[in-house]
Structure formats: C-alpha cells, structure tokens
Amino acid sequence: MKKLTFSLIVMCLAAAPALAQSETPKTSQTTPALSTSGETNPGAPVAGKNSFTEGQAKSRLEDAGFKDVTALKLDDQGVWRATANKDGKTVNVSLDFQGNVVVAK
C-alpha cells in the first residue's frame, strides 16, 4: 500500500510541470515594453514607473528631433514632460516609460 501511495504521489508531481506549461499567458499588450524606432504605442504617453533619468529623457527627446528642450519634469504619472522646438514650432512633448515620444495636441 505504501508503494502504491508513493508511486501515485511521484506521478502527480511529475505531471504538474507539464500542466503548468500548457497554460497560455493572458496578455493584452500589443506593443513592446520599450518602443523601437518608428513604433509608438497608440495609447502613449503611457503612465507607469519611469526609469529614465532626466539626462536620458532629454537625450531621447533630442534624438527624436526636438531642440531646445526646457522645463523637463517627471509628472506623478511617471511621464517626462517638456517644452521643445521642432520644425520651427514650440510644442509640448512627453516621454513615457516605454520610450514613446509624443507631441501634445
């Protein structure tokens, strides 16, 4: 009886990882955690914990073609917001934790 019980326990433990692997992850994310060149999350700017430093945020905005980046501040939603110039216009621009650069409309 002890052998039978032990065998059943071993079989159940061996099958557990296989059952766990068959589950499909449930996610609704359609864009990556970090944006890449030419790709922006349609819901940007996305609120979330932002790990960009002020210097990194300014560089990211400048790399996106913005000049004279001023008043750069991290808001309570985790989005960097600034005023900058692009194409001869002064605009409000933001950078979220995914790296999405968005001009306010």
PDB file of N, CA and C in Angstrom:
ATOM      1  N   MET A   1       0.817  -1.189   0.000  1.00  0.00           N
ATOM      2  CA  MET A   1       0.000   0.000   0.000  1.00  0.00           C
ATOM      3  C   MET A   1       0.871   1.267   0.000  1.00  0.00           C
ATOM      4  N   LYS A   2       1.961   1.242   0.786  1.00  0.00           N
ATOM      5  CA  LYS A   2       2.847   2.396   0.835  1.00  0.00           C
ATOM      6  C   LYS A   2       3.498   2.633  -0.525  1.00  0.00           C
ATOM      7  N   LYS A   3       3.860   1.544  -1.237  1.00  0.00           N
ATOM      8  CA  LYS A   3       4.472   1.681  -2.559  1.00  0.00           C
ATOM      9  C   LYS A   3       3.485   2.301  -3.538  1.00  0.00           C
ATOM     10  N   LEU A   4       2.241   1.882  -3.463  1.00  0.00           N
ATOM     11  CA  LEU A   4       1.223   2.409  -4.363  1.00  0.00           C
ATOM     12  C   LEU A   4       0.994   3.898  -4.098  1.00  0.00           C
ATOM     13  N   THR A   5       0.890   4.300  -2.845  1.00  0.00           N
ATOM     14  CA  THR A   5       0.696   5.701  -2.478  1.00  0.00           C
ATOM     15  C   THR A   5       1.886   6.540  -2.926  1.00  0.00           C
ATOM     16  N   PHE A   6       3.076   6.034  -2.661  1.00  0.00           N
ATOM     17  CA  PHE A   6       4.295   6.745  -3.055  1.00  0.00           C
ATOM     18  C   PHE A   6       4.344   6.905  -4.582  1.00  0.00           C
ATOM     19  N   SER A   7       3.992   5.861  -5.311  1.00  0.00           N
ATOM     20  CA  SER A   7       4.004   5.900  -6.774  1.00  0.00           C
ATOM     21  C   SER A   7       3.012   6.922  -7.302  1.00  0.00           C
ATOM     22  N   LEU A   8       1.836   7.008  -6.689  1.00  0.00           N
ATOM     23  CA  LEU A   8       0.842   7.984  -7.115  1.00  0.00           C
ATOM     24  C   LEU A   8       1.316   9.422  -6.870  1.00  0.00           C
ATOM     25  N   ILE A   9       1.958   9.632  -5.745  1.00  0.00           N
ATOM     26  CA  ILE A   9       2.482  10.956  -5.421  1.00  0.00           C
ATOM     27  C   ILE A   9       3.554  11.357  -6.426  1.00  0.00           C
ATOM     28  N   VAL A  10       4.460  10.447  -6.733  1.00  0.00           N
ATOM     29  CA  VAL A  10       5.530  10.725  -7.684  1.00  0.00           C
ATOM     30  C   VAL A  10       4.948  11.039  -9.069  1.00  0.00           C
ATOM     31  N   MET A  11       3.941  10.294  -9.484  1.00  0.00           N
ATOM     32  CA  MET A  11       3.329  10.527 -10.789  1.00  0.00           C
ATOM     33  C   MET A  11       2.638  11.892 -10.845  1.00  0.00           C
ATOM     34  N   CYS A  12       1.965  12.256  -9.776  1.00  0.00           N
ATOM     35  CA  CYS A  12       1.290  13.561  -9.733  1.00  0.00           C
ATOM     36  C   CYS A  12       2.304  14.705  -9.782  1.00  0.00           C
ATOM     37  N   LEU A  13       3.397  14.567  -9.045  1.00  0.00           N
ATOM     38  CA  LEU A  13       4.426  15.607  -9.039  1.00  0.00           C
ATOM     39  C   LEU A  13       5.107  15.711 -10.399  1.00  0.00           C
ATOM     40  N   ALA A  14       5.292  14.607 -11.057  1.00  0.00           N
ATOM     41  CA  ALA A  14       5.927  14.615 -12.375  1.00  0.00           C
ATOM     42  C   ALA A  14       5.014  15.257 -13.416  1.00  0.00           C
ATOM     43  N   ALA A  15       3.722  15.126 -13.269  1.00  0.00           N
ATOM     44  CA  ALA A  15       2.777  15.677 -14.237  1.00  0.00           C
ATOM     45  C   ALA A  15       2.523  17.169 -14.016  1.00  0.00           C
ATOM     46  N   ALA A  16       2.763  17.681 -12.822  1.00  0.00           N
ATOM     47  CA  ALA A  16       2.450  19.076 -12.502  1.00  0.00           C
ATOM     48  C   ALA A  16       3.152  20.075 -13.417  1.00  0.00           C
ATOM     49  N   PRO A  17       4.460  19.945 -13.687  1.00  0.00           N
ATOM     50  CA  PRO A  17       5.089  20.920 -14.579  1.00  0.00           C
ATOM     51  C   PRO A  17       4.498  20.887 -15.987  1.00  0.00           C
ATOM     52  N   ALA A  18       4.128  19.736 -16.471  1.00  0.00           N
ATOM     53  CA  ALA A  18       3.539  19.644 -17.806  1.00  0.00           C
ATOM     54  C   ALA A  18       2.205  20.374 -17.862  1.00  0.00           C
ATOM     55  N   LEU A  19       1.420  20.294 -16.820  1.00  0.00           N
ATOM     56  CA  LEU A  19       0.140  21.003 -16.778  1.00  0.00           C
ATOM     57  C   LEU A  19       0.363  22.503 -16.747  1.00  0.00           C
ATOM     58  N   ALA A  20       1.331  22.954 -15.983  1.00  0.00           N
ATOM     59  CA  ALA A  20       1.603  24.383 -15.873  1.00  0.00           C
ATOM     60  C   ALA A  20       2.083  24.953 -17.206  1.00  0.00           C
ATOM     61  N   GLN A  21       2.831  24.168 -17.964  1.00  0.00           N
ATOM     62  CA  GLN A  21       3.358  24.653 -19.234  1.00  0.00           C
ATOM     63  C   GLN A  21       2.283  24.772 -20.300  1.00  0.00           C
ATOM     64  N   SER A  22       1.195  24.055 -20.148  1.00  0.00           N
ATOM     65  CA  SER A  22       0.169  24.091 -21.181  1.00  0.00           C
ATOM     66  C   SER A  22      -0.700  25.344 -21.104  1.00  0.00           C
ATOM     67  N   GLU A  23      -0.587  26.109 -20.021  1.00  0.00           N
ATOM     68  CA  GLU A  23      -1.377  27.326 -19.904  1.00  0.00           C
ATOM     69  C   GLU A  23      -0.821  28.405 -20.831  1.00  0.00           C
ATOM     70  N   THR A  24      -1.708  29.140 -21.462  1.00  0.00           N
ATOM     71  CA  THR A  24      -1.303  30.221 -22.336  1.00  0.00           C
ATOM     72  C   THR A  24      -1.295  31.514 -21.541  1.00  0.00           C
ATOM     73  N   PRO A  25      -0.209  32.308 -21.651  1.00  0.00           N
ATOM     74  CA  PRO A  25      -0.191  33.572 -20.921  1.00  0.00           C
ATOM     75  C   PRO A  25      -1.299  34.492 -21.414  1.00  0.00           C
ATOM     76  N   LYS A  26      -1.922  35.160 -20.471  1.00  0.00           N
ATOM     77  CA  LYS A  26      -3.011  36.078 -20.809  1.00  0.00           C
ATOM     78  C   LYS A  26      -2.468  37.500 -20.779  1.00  0.00           C
ATOM     79  N   THR A  27      -2.395  38.130 -21.934  1.00  0.00           N
ATOM     80  CA  THR A  27      -1.913  39.494 -22.010  1.00  0.00           C
ATOM     81  C   THR A  27      -2.631  40.231 -23.125  1.00  0.00           C
ATOM     82  N   SER A  28      -2.834  41.499 -22.943  1.00  0.00           N
ATOM     83  CA  SER A  28      -3.477  42.299 -23.977  1.00  0.00           C
ATOM     84  C   SER A  28      -2.483  43.276 -24.584  1.00  0.00           C
ATOM     85  N   GLN A  29      -1.230  43.151 -24.200  1.00  0.00           N
ATOM     86  CA  GLN A  29      -0.214  44.072 -24.688  1.00  0.00           C
ATOM     87  C   GLN A  29       0.015  43.858 -26.178  1.00  0.00           C
ATOM     88  N   THR A  30      -0.064  44.922 -26.936  1.00  0.00           N
ATOM     89  CA  THR A  30       0.144  44.821 -28.372  1.00  0.00           C
ATOM     90  C   THR A  30       1.432  45.504 -28.802  1.00  0.00           C
ATOM     91  N   THR A  31       2.074  46.215 -27.897  1.00  0.00           N
ATOM     92  CA  THR A  31       3.347  46.843 -28.205  1.00  0.00           C
ATOM     93  C   THR A  31       4.356  46.410 -27.162  1.00  0.00           C
ATOM     94  N   PRO A  32       5.627  46.454 -27.493  1.00  0.00           N
ATOM     95  CA  PRO A  32       6.648  46.014 -26.545  1.00  0.00           C
ATOM     96  C   PRO A  32       6.775  46.960 -25.356  1.00  0.00           C
ATOM     97  N   ALA A  33       7.473  46.497 -24.333  1.00  0.00           N
ATOM     98  CA  ALA A  33       7.681  47.321 -23.140  1.00  0.00           C
ATOM     99  C   ALA A  33       8.456  48.584 -23.479  1.00  0.00           C
ATOM    100  N   LEU A  34       9.363  48.490 -24.420  1.00  0.00           N
ATOM    101  CA  LEU A  34      10.103  49.658 -24.877  1.00  0.00           C
ATOM    102  C   LEU A  34       9.817  49.866 -26.349  1.00  0.00           C
ATOM    103  N   SER A  35       9.577  51.108 -26.729  1.00  0.00           N
ATOM    104  CA  SER A  35       9.314  51.369 -28.139  1.00  0.00           C
ATOM    105  C   SER A  35      10.613  51.326 -28.919  1.00  0.00           C
ATOM    106  N   THR A  36      10.511  51.004 -30.171  1.00  0.00           N
ATOM    107  CA  THR A  36      11.670  50.994 -31.057  1.00  0.00           C
ATOM    108  C   THR A  36      11.452  52.056 -32.121  1.00  0.00           C
ATOM    109  N   SER A  37      12.453  52.310 -32.894  1.00  0.00           N
ATOM    110  CA  SER A  37      12.378  53.352 -33.913  1.00  0.00           C
ATOM    111  C   SER A  37      11.177  53.155 -34.822  1.00  0.00           C
ATOM    112  N   GLY A  38      10.392  54.207 -34.989  1.00  0.00           N
ATOM    113  CA  GLY A  38       9.250  54.164 -35.883  1.00  0.00           C
ATOM    114  C   GLY A  38       8.025  53.492 -35.307  1.00  0.00           C
ATOM    115  N   GLU A  39       8.040  53.162 -34.054  1.00  0.00           N
ATOM    116  CA  GLU A  39       6.935  52.428 -33.435  1.00  0.00           C
ATOM    117  C   GLU A  39       6.501  53.161 -32.176  1.00  0.00           C
ATOM    118  N   THR A  40       5.231  53.498 -32.074  1.00  0.00           N
ATOM    119  CA  THR A  40       4.715  54.189 -30.896  1.00  0.00           C
ATOM    120  C   THR A  40       3.446  53.510 -30.430  1.00  0.00           C
ATOM    121  N   ASN A  41       3.323  53.341 -29.147  1.00  0.00           N
ATOM    122  CA  ASN A  41       2.106  52.790 -28.569  1.00  0.00           C
ATOM    123  C   ASN A  41       0.974  53.761 -28.851  1.00  0.00           C
ATOM    124  N   PRO A  42      -0.129  53.291 -29.429  1.00  0.00           N
ATOM    125  CA  PRO A  42      -1.225  54.208 -29.745  1.00  0.00           C
ATOM    126  C   PRO A  42      -1.837  54.880 -28.513  1.00  0.00           C
ATOM    127  N   GLY A  43      -1.637  54.314 -27.330  1.00  0.00           N
ATOM    128  CA  GLY A  43      -2.159  54.900 -26.102  1.00  0.00           C
ATOM    129  C   GLY A  43      -1.163  55.810 -25.412  1.00  0.00           C
ATOM    130  N   ALA A  44      -0.061  56.126 -26.064  1.00  0.00           N
ATOM    131  CA  ALA A  44       1.009  56.920 -25.456  1.00  0.00           C
ATOM    132  C   ALA A  44       0.562  58.358 -25.264  1.00  0.00           C
ATOM    133  N   PRO A  45       1.060  59.037 -24.248  1.00  0.00           N
ATOM    134  CA  PRO A  45       2.023  58.530 -23.281  1.00  0.00           C
ATOM    135  C   PRO A  45       1.365  57.606 -22.259  1.00  0.00           C
ATOM    136  N   VAL A  46       2.073  56.549 -21.925  1.00  0.00           N
ATOM    137  CA  VAL A  46       1.558  55.525 -21.023  1.00  0.00           C
ATOM    138  C   VAL A  46       2.077  55.802 -19.611  1.00  0.00           C
ATOM    139  N   ALA A  47       1.164  55.831 -18.645  1.00  0.00           N
ATOM    140  CA  ALA A  47       1.556  56.044 -17.253  1.00  0.00           C
ATOM    141  C   ALA A  47       2.255  54.798 -16.740  1.00  0.00           C
ATOM    142  N   GLY A  48       3.254  54.976 -15.906  1.00  0.00           N
ATOM    143  CA  GLY A  48       3.960  53.848 -15.318  1.00  0.00           C
ATOM    144  C   GLY A  48       5.278  54.297 -14.721  1.00  0.00           C
ATOM    145  N   LYS A  49       5.881  53.400 -13.976  1.00  0.00           N
ATOM    146  CA  LYS A  49       7.153  53.721 -13.323  1.00  0.00           C
ATOM    147  C   LYS A  49       8.219  53.963 -14.383  1.00  0.00           C
ATOM    148  N   ASN A  50       8.761  55.154 -14.397  1.00  0.00           N
ATOM    149  CA  ASN A  50       9.717  55.568 -15.414  1.00  0.00           C
ATOM    150  C   ASN A  50      11.127  55.477 -14.866  1.00  0.00           C
ATOM    151  N   SER A  51      12.000  54.766 -15.571  1.00  0.00           N
ATOM    152  CA  SER A  51      13.374  54.600 -15.106  1.00  0.00           C
ATOM    153  C   SER A  51      14.359  55.504 -15.835  1.00  0.00           C
ATOM    154  N   PHE A  52      13.866  56.322 -16.784  1.00  0.00           N
ATOM    155  CA  PHE A  52      14.762  57.248 -17.465  1.00  0.00           C
ATOM    156  C   PHE A  52      15.186  58.346 -16.504  1.00  0.00           C
ATOM    157  N   THR A  53      16.481  58.658 -16.494  1.00  0.00           N
ATOM    158  CA  THR A  53      16.946  59.811 -15.730  1.00  0.00           C
ATOM    159  C   THR A  53      16.598  61.066 -16.528  1.00  0.00           C
ATOM    160  N   GLU A  54      16.752  62.208 -15.910  1.00  0.00           N
ATOM    161  CA  GLU A  54      16.464  63.463 -16.610  1.00  0.00           C
ATOM    162  C   GLU A  54      17.353  63.603 -17.848  1.00  0.00           C
ATOM    163  N   GLY A  55      18.627  63.275 -17.702  1.00  0.00           N
ATOM    164  CA  GLY A  55      19.553  63.358 -18.829  1.00  0.00           C
ATOM    165  C   GLY A  55      19.174  62.406 -19.959  1.00  0.00           C
ATOM    166  N   GLN A  56      18.783  61.187 -19.596  1.00  0.00           N
ATOM    167  CA  GLN A  56      18.367  60.218 -20.604  1.00  0.00           C
ATOM    168  C   GLN A  56      17.098  60.673 -21.312  1.00  0.00           C
ATOM    169  N   ALA A  57      16.162  61.233 -20.555  1.00  0.00           N
ATOM    170  CA  ALA A  57      14.910  61.717 -21.140  1.00  0.00           C
ATOM    171  C   ALA A  57      15.197  62.848 -22.126  1.00  0.00           C
ATOM    172  N   LYS A  58      16.056  63.775 -21.743  1.00  0.00           N
ATOM    173  CA  LYS A  58      16.394  64.894 -22.624  1.00  0.00           C
ATOM    174  C   LYS A  58      17.074  64.375 -23.897  1.00  0.00           C
ATOM    175  N   SER A  59      17.992  63.439 -23.753  1.00  0.00           N
ATOM    176  CA  SER A  59      18.679  62.862 -24.915  1.00  0.00           C
ATOM    177  C   SER A  59      17.700  62.145 -25.835  1.00  0.00           C
ATOM    178  N   ARG A  60      16.764  61.422 -25.255  1.00  0.00           N
ATOM    179  CA  ARG A  60      15.771  60.690 -26.053  1.00  0.00           C
ATOM    180  C   ARG A  60      14.911  61.671 -26.856  1.00  0.00           C
ATOM    181  N   LEU A  61      14.533  62.782 -26.229  1.00  0.00           N
ATOM    182  CA  LEU A  61      13.746  63.799 -26.935  1.00  0.00           C
ATOM    183  C   LEU A  61      14.570  64.446 -28.049  1.00  0.00           C
ATOM    184  N   GLU A  62      15.833  64.746 -27.757  1.00  0.00           N
ATOM    185  CA  GLU A  62      16.705  65.347 -28.769  1.00  0.00           C
ATOM    186  C   GLU A  62      16.944  64.369 -29.922  1.00  0.00           C
ATOM    187  N   ASP A  63      17.105  63.091 -29.609  1.00  0.00           N
ATOM    188  CA  ASP A  63      17.280  62.076 -30.651  1.00  0.00           C
ATOM    189  C   ASP A  63      16.041  61.967 -31.548  1.00  0.00           C
ATOM    190  N   ALA A  64      14.892  62.346 -31.003  1.00  0.00           N
ATOM    191  CA  ALA A  64      13.640  62.312 -31.773  1.00  0.00           C
ATOM    192  C   ALA A  64      13.457  63.582 -32.605  1.00  0.00           C
ATOM    193  N   GLY A  65      14.464  64.486 -32.580  1.00  0.00           N
ATOM    194  CA  GLY A  65      14.418  65.682 -33.424  1.00  0.00           C
ATOM    195  C   GLY A  65      13.996  66.951 -32.733  1.00  0.00           C
ATOM    196  N   PHE A  66      13.850  66.919 -31.406  1.00  0.00           N
ATOM    197  CA  PHE A  66      13.444  68.116 -30.676  1.00  0.00           C
ATOM    198  C   PHE A  66      14.675  68.889 -30.240  1.00  0.00           C
ATOM    199  N   LYS A  67      14.587  70.214 -30.328  1.00  0.00           N
ATOM    200  CA  LYS A  67      15.694  71.090 -29.931  1.00  0.00           C
ATOM    201  C   LYS A  67      15.223  71.994 -28.794  1.00  0.00           C
ATOM    202  N   ASP A  68      16.183  72.559 -28.098  1.00  0.00           N
ATOM    203  CA  ASP A  68      15.890  73.496 -27.008  1.00  0.00           C
ATOM    204  C   ASP A  68      14.884  72.913 -26.018  1.00  0.00           C
ATOM    205  N   VAL A  69      15.146  71.715 -25.541  1.00  0.00           N
ATOM    206  CA  VAL A  69      14.261  71.053 -24.573  1.00  0.00           C
ATOM    207  C   VAL A  69      14.382  71.790 -23.240  1.00  0.00           C
ATOM    208  N   THR A  70      13.255  72.317 -22.753  1.00  0.00           N
ATOM    209  CA  THR A  70      13.249  73.066 -21.494  1.00  0.00           C
ATOM    210  C   THR A  70      12.088  72.602 -20.617  1.00  0.00           C
ATOM    211  N   ALA A  71      12.134  73.015 -19.358  1.00  0.00           N
ATOM    212  CA  ALA A  71      11.080  72.715 -18.377  1.00  0.00           C
ATOM    213  C   ALA A  71      10.786  71.219 -18.303  1.00  0.00           C
ATOM    214  N   LEU A  72      11.830  70.409 -18.376  1.00  0.00           N
ATOM    215  CA  LEU A  72      11.666  68.955 -18.335  1.00  0.00           C
ATOM    216  C   LEU A  72      11.375  68.512 -16.904  1.00  0.00           C
ATOM    217  N   LYS A  73      10.215  67.900 -16.717  1.00  0.00           N
ATOM    218  CA  LYS A  73       9.770  67.464 -15.387  1.00  0.00           C
ATOM    219  C   LYS A  73       9.127  66.086 -15.487  1.00  0.00           C
ATOM    220  N   LEU A  74       9.330  65.279 -14.455  1.00  0.00           N
ATOM    221  CA  LEU A  74       8.679  63.970 -14.345  1.00  0.00           C
ATOM    222  C   LEU A  74       7.387  64.174 -13.566  1.00  0.00           C
ATOM    223  N   ASP A  75       6.230  63.870 -14.195  1.00  0.00           N
ATOM    224  CA  ASP A  75       4.964  64.098 -13.508  1.00  0.00           C
ATOM    225  C   ASP A  75       4.589  62.920 -12.608  1.00  0.00           C
ATOM    226  N   ASP A  76       3.463  63.026 -11.911  1.00  0.00           N
ATOM    227  CA  ASP A  76       3.051  61.991 -10.955  1.00  0.00           C
ATOM    228  C   ASP A  76       2.562  60.711 -11.635  1.00  0.00           C
ATOM    229  N   GLN A  77       2.444  60.721 -12.959  1.00  0.00           N
ATOM    230  CA  GLN A  77       2.064  59.530 -13.725  1.00  0.00           C
ATOM    231  C   GLN A  77       3.293  58.779 -14.243  1.00  0.00           C
ATOM    232  N   GLY A  78       4.495  59.328 -14.001  1.00  0.00           N
ATOM    233  CA  GLY A  78       5.725  58.707 -14.482  1.00  0.00           C
ATOM    234  C   GLY A  78       6.047  59.081 -15.913  1.00  0.00           C
ATOM    235  N   VAL A  79       5.516  60.212 -16.375  1.00  0.00           N
ATOM    236  CA  VAL A  79       5.755  60.675 -17.740  1.00  0.00           C
ATOM    237  C   VAL A  79       6.610  61.942 -17.683  1.00  0.00           C
ATOM    238  N   TRP A  80       7.711  61.944 -18.463  1.00  0.00           N
ATOM    239  CA  TRP A  80       8.529  63.143 -18.585  1.00  0.00           C
ATOM    240  C   TRP A  80       7.811  64.101 -19.526  1.00  0.00           C
ATOM    241  N   ARG A  81       7.680  65.360 -19.126  1.00  0.00           N
ATOM    242  CA  ARG A  81       7.017  66.372 -19.950  1.00  0.00           C
ATOM    243  C   ARG A  81       7.944  67.573 -20.092  1.00  0.00           C
ATOM    244  N   ALA A  82       7.943  68.165 -21.291  1.00  0.00           N
ATOM    245  CA  ALA A  82       8.832  69.295 -21.555  1.00  0.00           C
ATOM    246  C   ALA A  82       8.242  70.177 -22.643  1.00  0.00           C
ATOM    247  N   THR A  83       8.892  71.320 -22.830  1.00  0.00           N
ATOM    248  CA  THR A  83       8.619  72.205 -23.947  1.00  0.00           C
ATOM    249  C   THR A  83       9.853  72.126 -24.835  1.00  0.00           C
ATOM    250  N   ALA A  84       9.639  72.056 -26.139  1.00  0.00           N
ATOM    251  CA  ALA A  84      10.766  71.947 -27.064  1.00  0.00           C
ATOM    252  C   ALA A  84      10.389  72.545 -28.411  1.00  0.00           C
ATOM    253  N   ASN A  85      11.382  72.694 -29.263  1.00  0.00           N
ATOM    254  CA  ASN A  85      11.161  73.207 -30.613  1.00  0.00           C
ATOM    255  C   ASN A  85      11.367  72.095 -31.623  1.00  0.00           C
ATOM    256  N   LYS A  86      10.457  72.047 -32.600  1.00  0.00           N
ATOM    257  CA  LYS A  86      10.597  71.107 -33.704  1.00  0.00           C
ATOM    258  C   LYS A  86       9.925  71.716 -34.923  1.00  0.00           C
ATOM    259  N   ASP A  87      10.630  71.684 -36.032  1.00  0.00           N
ATOM    260  CA  ASP A  87      10.111  72.233 -37.292  1.00  0.00           C
ATOM    261  C   ASP A  87       9.683  73.691 -37.136  1.00  0.00           C
ATOM    262  N   GLY A  88      10.459  74.448 -36.362  1.00  0.00           N
ATOM    263  CA  GLY A  88      10.182  75.874 -36.197  1.00  0.00           C
ATOM    264  C   GLY A  88       9.037  76.198 -35.264  1.00  0.00           C
ATOM    265  N   LYS A  89       8.488  75.211 -34.592  1.00  0.00           N
ATOM    266  CA  LYS A  89       7.365  75.431 -33.674  1.00  0.00           C
ATOM    267  C   LYS A  89       7.745  75.025 -32.263  1.00  0.00           C
ATOM    268  N   THR A  90       7.196  75.732 -31.278  1.00  0.00           N
ATOM    269  CA  THR A  90       7.351  75.344 -29.882  1.00  0.00           C
ATOM    270  C   THR A  90       6.189  74.425 -29.535  1.00  0.00           C
ATOM    271  N   VAL A  91       6.511  73.248 -29.009  1.00  0.00           N
ATOM    272  CA  VAL A  91       5.484  72.253 -28.708  1.00  0.00           C
ATOM    273  C   VAL A  91       5.684  71.693 -27.306  1.00  0.00           C
ATOM    274  N   ASN A  92       4.616  71.133 -26.756  1.00  0.00           N
ATOM    275  CA  ASN A  92       4.701  70.372 -25.512  1.00  0.00           C
ATOM    276  C   ASN A  92       4.913  68.925 -25.910  1.00  0.00           C
ATOM    277  N   VAL A  93       5.906  68.304 -25.315  1.00  0.00           N
ATOM    278  CA  VAL A  93       6.271  66.942 -25.690  1.00  0.00           C
ATOM    279  C   VAL A  93       6.383  66.094 -24.437  1.00  0.00           C
ATOM    280  N   SER A  94       6.132  64.789 -24.587  1.00  0.00           N
ATOM    281  CA  SER A  94       6.238  63.894 -23.436  1.00  0.00           C
ATOM    282  C   SER A  94       6.987  62.629 -23.825  1.00  0.00           C
ATOM    283  N   LEU A  95       7.545  61.978 -22.811  1.00  0.00           N
ATOM    284  CA  LEU A  95       8.274  60.723 -22.960  1.00  0.00           C
ATOM    285  C   LEU A  95       7.812  59.800 -21.846  1.00  0.00           C
ATOM    286  N   ASP A  96       7.248  58.651 -22.216  1.00  0.00           N
ATOM    287  CA  ASP A  96       6.776  57.720 -21.190  1.00  0.00           C
ATOM    288  C   ASP A  96       7.809  56.635 -20.903  1.00  0.00           C
ATOM    289  N   PHE A  97       7.478  55.746 -19.984  1.00  0.00           N
ATOM    290  CA  PHE A  97       8.420  54.714 -19.553  1.00  0.00           C
ATOM    291  C   PHE A  97       8.752  53.724 -20.664  1.00  0.00           C
ATOM    292  N   GLN A  98       7.914  53.625 -21.690  1.00  0.00           N
ATOM    293  CA  GLN A  98       8.165  52.737 -22.817  1.00  0.00           C
ATOM    294  C   GLN A  98       9.104  53.366 -23.829  1.00  0.00           C
ATOM    295  N   GLY A  99       9.365  54.668 -23.680  1.00  0.00           N
ATOM    296  CA  GLY A  99      10.212  55.367 -24.631  1.00  0.00           C
ATOM    297  C   GLY A  99       9.427  56.063 -25.726  1.00  0.00           C
ATOM    298  N   ASN A 100       8.110  56.060 -25.612  1.00  0.00           N
ATOM    299  CA  ASN A 100       7.266  56.740 -26.605  1.00  0.00           C
ATOM    300  C   ASN A 100       7.420  58.252 -26.459  1.00  0.00           C
ATOM    301  N   VAL A 101       7.721  58.923 -27.558  1.00  0.00           N
ATOM    302  CA  VAL A 101       7.804  60.373 -27.587  1.00  0.00           C
ATOM    303  C   VAL A 101       6.541  60.871 -28.270  1.00  0.00           C
ATOM    304  N   VAL A 102       5.805  61.748 -27.581  1.00  0.00           N
ATOM    305  CA  VAL A 102       4.510  62.199 -28.073  1.00  0.00           C
ATOM    306  C   VAL A 102       4.406  63.714 -27.968  1.00  0.00           C
ATOM    307  N   VAL A 103       3.927  64.339 -29.029  1.00  0.00           N
ATOM    308  CA  VAL A 103       3.657  65.777 -29.012  1.00  0.00           C
ATOM    309  C   VAL A 103       2.216  65.962 -28.575  1.00  0.00           C
ATOM    310  N   ALA A 104       2.010  66.815 -27.572  1.00  0.00           N
ATOM    311  CA  ALA A 104       0.649  67.102 -27.092  1.00  0.00           C
ATOM    312  C   ALA A 104      -0.121  67.835 -28.169  1.00  0.00           C
ATOM    313  N   LYS A 105      -1.369  67.479 -28.309  1.00  0.00           N
ATOM    314  CA  LYS A 105      -2.226  68.104 -29.343  1.00  0.00           C
ATOM    315  C   LYS A 105      -3.053  69.199 -28.757  1.00  0.00           C
TER     316      LYS A 105
END
